[in-house]
Protein backbone atom coordinates (compact mmCIF):
# COMPACT_ATOMS: atom_id res chain seq x y z
CA MET A 1 65.17 93.83 90.18
CA MET A 2 62.33 96.30 89.62
CA LYS A 3 63.22 99.60 88.09
CA LEU A 4 64.00 102.44 90.57
CA LYS A 5 61.71 104.71 88.61
CA ASN A 6 62.56 108.18 87.57
CA TYR A 7 65.86 107.09 86.00
CA LEU A 8 66.95 110.65 86.75
CA ILE A 9 67.87 109.20 90.06
CA TRP A 10 68.93 105.62 89.09
CA GLY A 11 69.51 104.90 85.44
CA LEU A 12 69.80 107.94 83.25
CA LEU A 13 71.76 109.80 85.93
CA SER A 14 74.55 107.28 85.76
CA LEU A 15 74.78 107.66 81.93
CA PHE A 16 75.20 111.45 82.19
CA MET A 17 77.05 112.07 85.36
CA VAL A 18 80.68 112.25 83.84
CA SER A 19 80.42 115.96 83.03
CA LEU A 20 77.56 117.15 85.04
CA SER A 21 77.33 120.84 85.52
CA SER A 22 77.24 121.96 89.06
CA CYS A 23 74.47 123.94 90.70
CA SER A 24 74.75 127.66 90.25
CA ASP A 25 75.29 130.19 93.02
CA ASP A 26 71.93 131.70 92.54
CA ASP A 27 70.08 128.58 93.84
CA LYS A 28 67.56 129.90 96.43
CA ASP A 29 67.34 127.16 99.20
CA LEU A 30 69.20 123.98 99.46
CA GLY A 31 67.60 122.87 102.75
CA SER A 32 69.02 120.12 104.80
CA SER A 33 68.88 116.38 105.11
CA SER A 34 66.05 116.44 107.59
CA ASP A 35 63.90 118.26 105.02
CA LEU A 36 64.17 115.25 102.71
CA VAL A 37 62.89 112.72 105.13
CA GLY A 38 59.32 111.81 104.15
CA ASN A 39 57.16 110.75 101.21
CA TRP A 40 57.55 112.91 98.04
CA GLU A 41 55.11 112.94 95.05
CA LEU A 42 56.40 113.94 91.54
CA ILE A 43 54.26 116.88 90.37
CA SER A 44 56.32 118.21 87.33
CA SER A 45 58.85 116.68 85.08
CA HIS A 46 60.57 117.67 81.87
CA TYR A 47 63.47 116.35 79.92
CA TYR A 48 64.90 116.72 76.40
CA ILE A 49 67.88 115.49 74.32
CA LYS A 50 69.36 117.64 71.61
CA ILE A 51 71.84 116.50 68.97
CA ASN A 52 73.61 119.32 67.03
CA GLY A 53 71.03 121.81 68.44
CA GLN A 54 67.95 119.88 67.33
CA ILE A 55 65.64 118.31 69.97
CA ILE A 56 65.45 114.71 69.11
CA ASP A 57 63.50 113.54 72.18
CA GLU A 58 61.40 115.53 74.74
CA GLU A 59 58.90 114.67 77.32
CA ARG A 60 56.93 116.54 79.90
CA ASP A 61 54.95 115.44 82.90
CA PHE A 62 56.14 111.72 82.73
CA ASP A 63 55.70 109.57 85.79
CA LEU A 64 53.53 112.13 87.60
CA GLY A 65 52.15 110.79 90.80
CA ASP A 66 55.11 108.50 91.48
CA VAL A 67 56.07 108.56 95.12
CA ILE A 68 59.58 108.15 96.60
CA ARG A 69 60.27 107.70 100.44
CA PHE A 70 63.49 109.20 102.10
CA ASN A 71 63.82 107.45 105.48
CA SER A 72 65.91 108.93 108.42
CA ASP A 73 67.99 105.75 108.46
CA GLY A 74 69.52 106.64 105.15
CA THR A 75 67.33 104.37 102.99
CA ILE A 76 65.16 105.48 100.09
CA TYR A 77 62.25 103.43 98.73
CA GLU A 78 60.39 103.40 95.39
CA ASP A 79 58.26 100.79 93.90
CA GLY A 80 59.55 98.30 96.34
CA ASP A 81 63.23 99.02 95.52
CA VAL A 82 65.60 100.32 98.11
CA ALA A 83 68.82 102.31 97.95
CA GLN A 84 71.03 104.28 100.43
CA TRP A 85 71.02 108.11 100.51
CA SER A 86 72.68 111.02 102.09
CA TYR A 87 72.57 114.80 101.43
CA GLU A 88 75.31 117.36 101.47
CA GLY A 89 76.31 120.47 99.70
CA GLY A 90 73.36 120.54 97.58
CA GLN A 91 73.66 117.11 96.28
CA ILE A 92 71.72 113.74 97.05
CA ARG A 93 74.24 110.87 97.10
CA LEU A 94 72.60 107.65 96.18
CA GLU A 95 74.03 104.24 96.25
CA TYR A 96 72.16 101.39 94.58
CA ASP A 97 73.65 97.98 93.65
CA GLY A 98 77.14 99.09 94.43
CA GLU A 99 76.80 102.16 92.13
CA VAL A 100 77.06 105.78 93.54
CA ASN A 101 75.47 108.77 91.80
CA TYR A 102 74.94 112.35 92.79
CA VAL A 103 71.70 114.22 92.14
CA PRO A 104 72.01 117.95 92.09
CA VAL A 105 69.34 119.84 94.03
CA LYS A 106 68.10 123.04 92.60
CA SER A 107 66.00 123.85 95.66
CA LEU A 108 64.90 122.04 98.71
CA THR A 109 62.35 123.09 101.50
CA SER A 110 60.42 121.04 103.90
CA SER A 111 57.66 120.89 101.39
CA ARG A 112 59.17 121.05 97.82
CA LEU A 113 62.15 119.34 96.13
CA GLU A 114 63.53 120.32 92.74
CA ILE A 115 66.32 118.57 90.92
CA GLU A 116 67.82 119.74 87.80
CA PHE A 117 70.78 118.73 85.69
CA THR A 118 72.26 119.28 82.29
CA GLU A 119 74.99 117.37 80.41
CA LYS A 120 76.63 118.70 77.23
CA GLY A 121 79.34 117.16 75.28
CA THR A 122 80.62 116.01 71.86
CA GLU A 123 80.71 112.40 70.62
CA ASP A 124 81.58 111.03 67.31
CA GLY A 125 81.50 114.55 65.84
CA ALA A 126 78.12 115.45 67.13
CA THR A 127 77.25 117.80 70.02
CA TYR A 128 74.59 116.65 72.48
CA GLU A 129 72.78 118.17 75.36
CA TYR A 130 70.73 116.33 78.00
CA TYR A 131 68.49 118.26 80.39
CA GLU A 132 66.15 116.99 83.14
CA ASN A 133 64.10 118.77 85.75
CA MET A 134 61.83 117.14 88.37
CA VAL A 135 59.73 118.84 91.00
CA TYR A 136 58.37 116.90 93.97
CA LYS A 137 55.98 117.91 96.80
CA LYS A 138 56.10 116.45 100.16
CA ILE A 139 52.85 114.53 100.97
CA SER A 140 53.77 113.17 104.39
CA ASP A 141 56.66 113.02 106.97
């Protein structure tokens, strides 16, 4: 099946969700599920991967212009792919091909969605950190 782009939502997220840090208390506005309904265009993106404190991979402004659609019936569409979604407690719950992932929302208003997550850990004696931030603007209801 076609990729559900922005693997922050679909692919990469599933790799890094084990010890996902939760949203902080200083988050400004977490909106409601009705705020999510509509078409959203990616306007800013940034990720990096660090191993032992050194950035080994980093990219900014990837996939700009990509559009995702949150429908009021609980479906989400991107590039012809479909998944199920719900929103509660500052997290978007996504179910795709039997796999469930949670996307932490940094802020959500009726016109702007920002998601951000960080994963830190140690594996095979090396410390790693993964960070991703994506900002969307609503382009239509």
